[in-house]
Structures are given as structure tokens and as C-alpha cells.
Amino acid sequence: MKGSVESALTQLKAWLAQSDLPSAGRLPPERELCTLLGVSRGVLRKALTTLEQDGELWRQVGKGTFIGARSVEKSLSISTIAEGSNPLEVMEARLLIESMLAREATVHATGAHLAEMRSCTRIQREARTWRQYENADNRLHRTVAEATGNTVLLALFDQLNAIRRAIVWGRLRDKPDHPPADHKSFVQHEVLVRAISERDQEGAYQAMHDHLMTVQEKLLGIRSAEGREL
């Protein structure tokens, strides 16, 4: 049974990374997931419980199962912060916190963490929709936070990510409907994962910082004091 659960967990993670889930991140009903994955309901529930305990899913009776960390119970505090903040503040926080998390991950990342990061970068390159790309992107950034081995830092990341999701960015994707082959984040993510795998603390810090600066440029188009876009 243990092997069956582990196999179902692997299949479920792969399916989540490649599926085009609705904007709310709600998963299909358990019966449908059982059919899609070819597993029993008992095994599926154990796999879902594992992901929920890891903070990758949350469930609520009568509403369903959703991807990401639980935000419903914290909706008041998250919404209050989001209402008083803006995308620039979120990006500034990400630059500070996630760059530090990347550096810390070089010390504590396990083989499983590194394998998961590499899987995410591969899925991103193969993504057929932006949704698939962003699901893998979310997994990659959270795995970096998990790789710190620090529960408090992971909780801070989840809190920041919940705030980021709560803020309306007000941006539209340009065509095509999927990431272009020369999408900058592909190489940037691969440089980040390589630095973490090589235990290069400053390299990982800089790789994450450079990547998030590119994200900031695309989202906000702000300029530095030298007049160049950031």
C-alpha cells in the first residue's frame, strides 16, 4: 500500500503541474481524479493528505480541494494587507525574502528537492499554456523555500505568496498563448537550480535576485535611478 500511495503521489504531482486548472485552483472531484490517475479513492485521499500537510493543497468540506497553501482561514489578514499594499511593495518583499531563501537552500537542499526543481524547469519548457507554466513556476519557488529546511521561513514564503495572489496585477498576456521558446525565465530558473545544486550561496542569491528583477520589469516597467528599466 505504501508503494501505491507513493506512486499516486508522484502521478498527482505530475498531473497538477501539467493541468490547466481554473483560476481558483480547484481540483476535479475525487471520483474524476481517481479515473484520471487510475488509482483507488483510498490511495488518492492519502496522496492528497500528504500534499495538504506539505502546504501544496488545502481542502474544505463542501467546497472542494484547491492547489496552494490554505488562505481561507487567513483571508481577513491577507486581504487587509493586500488592500493597503501594491505590486511594487510585493516585488520589493520578494526580492529581499526569496533571494535570501535561495541562498539558504544551497545549504539544506536534499536530492529530492533538487530533483523537484529540475522537474519544474523541464515542465516549464514543455508547457503548452501559461497556466501550466505558472503552476510549475509556483512549485519551483515553493520548493526553494522548502529546501531551506526552516518551517518559519516556509511560512513567511506562503504568507507572501498569498498576498501576491490577492493583489490584482492588471496585466494581460501577449500572444502566443504559451511561453515563447526564448522566455527569459527558462534560463534564469535553470541558472538558479544549478547554483543551488552546486551549493553556490552567492550564485543562488544573485540568480534569484536577477530573475525577480526581470519579473518586476515585466509586471511594472519601472525605471532605476540611472534611467534604465528594471
Protein backbone atom coordinates (compact mmCIF):
# COMPACT_ATOMS: atom_id res chain seq x y z
CA MET A 1 0.00 0.00 0.00
CA LYS A 2 2.87 2.36 0.79
CA GLY A 3 4.24 1.95 -2.72
CA SER A 4 0.80 2.58 -4.17
CA VAL A 5 0.47 5.83 -2.25
CA GLU A 6 3.95 6.96 -3.31
CA SER A 7 3.13 6.15 -6.92
CA ALA A 8 -0.18 8.02 -6.68
CA LEU A 9 1.61 10.96 -5.10
CA THR A 10 4.08 11.10 -7.99
CA GLN A 11 1.29 10.86 -10.57
CA LEU A 12 -0.75 13.51 -8.77
CA LYS A 13 2.17 15.97 -8.64
CA ALA A 14 2.86 15.46 -12.34
CA TRP A 15 -0.82 15.92 -13.20
CA LEU A 16 -1.07 19.11 -11.14
CA ALA A 17 1.98 20.57 -12.84
CA GLN A 18 0.65 19.95 -16.34
CA SER A 19 -3.07 20.56 -15.88
CA ASP A 20 -4.83 23.77 -16.86
CA LEU A 21 -6.72 24.33 -13.62
CA PRO A 22 -9.34 27.09 -13.27
CA SER A 23 -8.19 30.43 -11.88
CA ALA A 24 -9.38 29.49 -8.38
CA GLY A 25 -7.09 26.44 -8.50
CA ARG A 26 -9.86 23.98 -7.71
CA LEU A 27 -9.15 20.33 -8.42
CA PRO A 28 -11.69 17.99 -10.04
CA PRO A 29 -13.83 15.82 -7.72
CA GLU A 30 -12.10 12.80 -6.18
CA ARG A 31 -14.03 10.35 -8.36
CA GLU A 32 -12.79 12.10 -11.50
CA LEU A 33 -9.22 12.27 -10.20
CA CYS A 34 -9.30 8.55 -9.45
CA THR A 35 -10.23 7.86 -13.05
CA LEU A 36 -7.62 10.26 -14.43
CA LEU A 37 -4.81 8.80 -12.31
CA GLY A 38 -6.02 5.19 -12.30
CA VAL A 39 -5.94 4.84 -8.51
CA SER A 40 -8.42 3.91 -5.79
CA ARG A 41 -10.15 6.58 -3.75
CA GLY A 42 -8.41 5.45 -0.56
CA VAL A 43 -4.96 5.75 -2.12
CA LEU A 44 -5.86 9.11 -3.69
CA ARG A 45 -7.02 10.51 -0.36
CA LYS A 46 -3.74 9.54 1.29
CA ALA A 47 -1.82 11.26 -1.51
CA LEU A 48 -3.99 14.37 -1.16
CA THR A 49 -3.44 14.37 2.60
CA THR A 50 0.32 14.25 2.08
CA LEU A 51 0.22 17.26 -0.25
CA GLU A 52 -2.08 19.10 2.15
CA GLN A 53 0.34 18.50 5.02
CA ASP A 54 3.15 19.85 2.82
CA GLY A 55 1.14 23.01 2.17
CA GLU A 56 0.67 22.32 -1.55
CA LEU A 57 -3.10 21.78 -1.27
CA TRP A 58 -5.92 22.77 1.02
CA ARG A 59 -9.35 21.26 1.39
CA GLN A 60 -12.67 22.49 2.75
CA VAL A 61 -15.76 20.36 3.22
CA GLY A 62 -18.48 21.36 0.79
CA LYS A 63 -16.15 23.46 -1.37
CA GLY A 64 -13.50 21.08 -2.66
CA THR A 65 -9.74 20.75 -2.91
CA PHE A 66 -7.58 23.66 -4.05
CA ILE A 67 -3.95 23.98 -5.10
CA GLY A 68 -1.67 26.16 -2.98
CA ALA A 69 -1.48 26.99 0.71
CA ARG A 70 -4.69 27.49 2.66
CA SER A 71 -5.68 31.14 2.58
CA VAL A 72 -9.35 30.94 3.55
CA GLU A 73 -8.70 30.91 7.29
CA LYS A 74 -6.32 33.87 6.90
CA SER A 75 -8.42 35.75 4.36
CA LEU A 76 -9.06 38.75 6.63
CA SER A 77 -5.40 39.45 7.39
CA ILE A 78 -4.29 38.70 3.84
CA SER A 79 -6.98 40.86 2.28
CA THR A 80 -6.25 43.69 4.69
CA ILE A 81 -2.56 43.63 3.82
CA ALA A 82 -3.32 43.40 0.11
CA GLU A 83 -5.71 46.35 0.24
CA GLY A 84 -3.06 48.53 1.82
CA SER A 85 -0.26 47.37 -0.45
CA ASN A 86 0.60 47.34 -4.15
CA PRO A 87 2.55 45.25 -6.68
CA LEU A 88 5.74 47.26 -6.16
CA GLU A 89 5.79 46.52 -2.43
CA VAL A 90 5.19 42.83 -3.14
CA MET A 91 8.10 42.72 -5.58
CA GLU A 92 10.38 44.52 -3.12
CA ALA A 93 9.48 41.94 -0.48
CA ARG A 94 10.06 39.07 -2.91
CA LEU A 95 13.48 40.44 -3.85
CA LEU A 96 14.50 40.57 -0.20
CA ILE A 97 12.97 37.33 1.04
CA GLU A 98 13.21 34.94 -1.91
CA SER A 99 16.81 35.87 -2.72
CA MET A 100 17.71 35.01 0.87
CA LEU A 101 15.72 31.77 0.68
CA ALA A 102 17.68 30.74 -2.41
CA ARG A 103 20.96 31.29 -0.61
CA GLU A 104 19.76 29.28 2.39
CA ALA A 105 18.53 26.48 0.13
CA THR A 106 22.10 25.83 -1.04
CA VAL A 107 22.94 24.67 2.47
CA HIS A 108 19.98 22.40 3.17
CA ALA A 109 18.54 21.25 -0.18
CA THR A 110 18.20 17.48 -0.45
CA GLY A 111 18.40 15.33 -3.55
CA ALA A 112 14.61 15.20 -3.60
CA HIS A 113 14.39 18.99 -3.55
CA LEU A 114 16.85 19.29 -6.42
CA ALA A 115 15.02 16.64 -8.44
CA GLU A 116 11.75 18.51 -7.93
CA MET A 117 13.34 21.81 -9.01
CA ARG A 118 14.73 20.23 -12.17
CA SER A 119 11.35 18.67 -12.90
CA CYS A 120 9.73 22.09 -12.63
CA THR A 121 12.18 23.67 -15.07
CA ARG A 122 11.57 20.85 -17.55
CA ILE A 123 7.80 21.18 -17.27
CA GLN A 124 8.05 24.93 -17.79
CA ARG A 125 9.88 24.47 -21.09
CA GLU A 126 7.26 21.92 -22.19
CA ALA A 127 4.25 23.98 -21.05
CA ARG A 128 1.54 24.38 -23.66
CA THR A 129 -0.32 27.10 -21.77
CA TRP A 130 0.62 29.93 -19.42
CA ARG A 131 -1.39 28.19 -16.70
CA GLN A 132 0.82 25.11 -16.92
CA TYR A 133 3.92 27.29 -16.86
CA GLU A 134 2.72 29.24 -13.81
CA ASN A 135 1.77 26.08 -11.91
CA ALA A 136 5.32 24.79 -12.40
CA ASP A 137 6.72 28.24 -11.55
CA ASN A 138 4.81 28.28 -8.26
CA ARG A 139 6.06 24.78 -7.45
CA LEU A 140 9.65 25.76 -8.19
CA HIS A 141 9.64 28.84 -5.98
CA ARG A 142 7.94 26.98 -3.13
CA THR A 143 10.38 24.08 -3.41
CA VAL A 144 13.24 26.57 -3.00
CA ALA A 145 11.55 27.77 0.19
CA GLU A 146 11.03 24.19 1.37
CA ALA A 147 14.68 23.43 0.68
CA THR A 148 15.74 25.88 3.41
CA GLY A 149 14.56 23.28 5.92
CA ASN A 150 13.15 26.11 8.02
CA THR A 151 9.46 25.96 8.93
CA VAL A 152 9.27 29.65 9.80
CA LEU A 153 10.85 30.74 6.52
CA LEU A 154 8.48 28.48 4.60
CA ALA A 155 5.52 30.01 6.44
CA LEU A 156 6.78 33.51 5.57
CA PHE A 157 7.04 32.50 1.92
CA ASP A 158 3.48 31.13 1.95
CA GLN A 159 2.20 34.33 3.54
CA LEU A 160 3.96 36.48 0.94
CA ASN A 161 2.70 34.26 -1.87
CA ALA A 162 -0.86 34.54 -0.57
CA ILE A 163 -0.56 38.34 -0.54
CA ARG A 164 0.84 38.27 -4.08
CA ARG A 165 -2.12 36.23 -5.28
CA ALA A 166 -4.57 38.57 -3.56
CA ILE A 167 -3.31 41.65 -5.37
CA VAL A 168 -4.72 42.30 -8.83
CA TRP A 169 -1.75 42.77 -11.13
CA GLY A 170 -3.84 44.12 -14.01
CA ARG A 171 -1.71 42.68 -16.78
CA LEU A 172 -2.58 40.72 -19.89
CA ARG A 173 -0.52 38.11 -21.65
CA ASP A 174 0.64 38.95 -25.15
CA LYS A 175 0.34 36.30 -27.80
CA PRO A 176 1.19 33.45 -28.09
CA ASP A 177 -0.97 31.54 -25.63
CA HIS A 178 2.05 29.78 -24.18
CA PRO A 179 5.55 30.87 -23.12
CA PRO A 180 7.79 31.58 -26.13
CA ALA A 181 10.82 29.38 -26.69
CA ASP A 182 13.13 32.25 -25.70
CA HIS A 183 11.26 33.12 -22.50
CA LYS A 184 13.90 34.60 -20.16
CA SER A 185 12.69 32.72 -17.10
CA PHE A 186 13.63 29.35 -18.60
CA VAL A 187 17.35 30.08 -18.47
CA GLN A 188 17.10 32.11 -15.26
CA HIS A 189 15.39 29.26 -13.42
CA GLU A 190 17.95 26.77 -14.71
CA VAL A 191 20.82 29.02 -13.56
CA LEU A 192 19.14 29.25 -10.13
CA VAL A 193 18.71 25.49 -9.78
CA ARG A 194 22.29 24.86 -10.92
CA ALA A 195 23.64 27.30 -8.33
CA ILE A 196 21.63 25.62 -5.57
CA SER A 197 22.77 22.16 -6.67
CA GLU A 198 26.40 23.35 -6.68
CA ARG A 199 25.95 24.82 -3.17
CA ASP A 200 26.91 28.24 -4.51
CA GLN A 201 25.36 30.58 -1.93
CA GLU A 202 26.10 33.89 -3.59
CA GLY A 203 25.37 32.50 -7.03
CA ALA A 204 21.94 31.29 -5.91
CA TYR A 205 21.19 34.61 -4.21
CA GLN A 206 22.14 36.55 -7.34
CA ALA A 207 20.28 34.18 -9.68
CA MET A 208 17.04 34.58 -7.74
CA HIS A 209 17.54 38.34 -7.46
CA ASP A 210 18.19 38.70 -11.21
CA HIS A 211 15.16 36.58 -12.04
CA LEU A 212 12.84 38.60 -9.82
CA MET A 213 14.20 41.84 -11.26
CA THR A 214 13.12 40.56 -14.68
CA VAL A 215 9.68 39.71 -13.28
CA GLN A 216 9.45 43.20 -11.82
CA GLU A 217 10.33 44.74 -15.16
CA LYS A 218 7.61 42.82 -16.96
CA LEU A 219 4.98 43.49 -14.31
CA LEU A 220 5.69 47.09 -13.51
CA GLY A 221 8.02 48.56 -16.12
CA ILE A 222 9.63 50.81 -13.52
CA ARG A 223 12.95 52.56 -14.03
CA SER A 224 16.03 52.76 -11.90
CA ALA A 225 17.81 55.94 -10.85
CA GLU A 226 20.07 55.52 -13.89
CA GLY A 227 17.05 55.71 -16.15
CA ARG A 228 17.09 52.11 -17.34
CA GLU A 229 14.05 49.88 -16.95
CA LEU A 230 14.09 47.39 -14.09
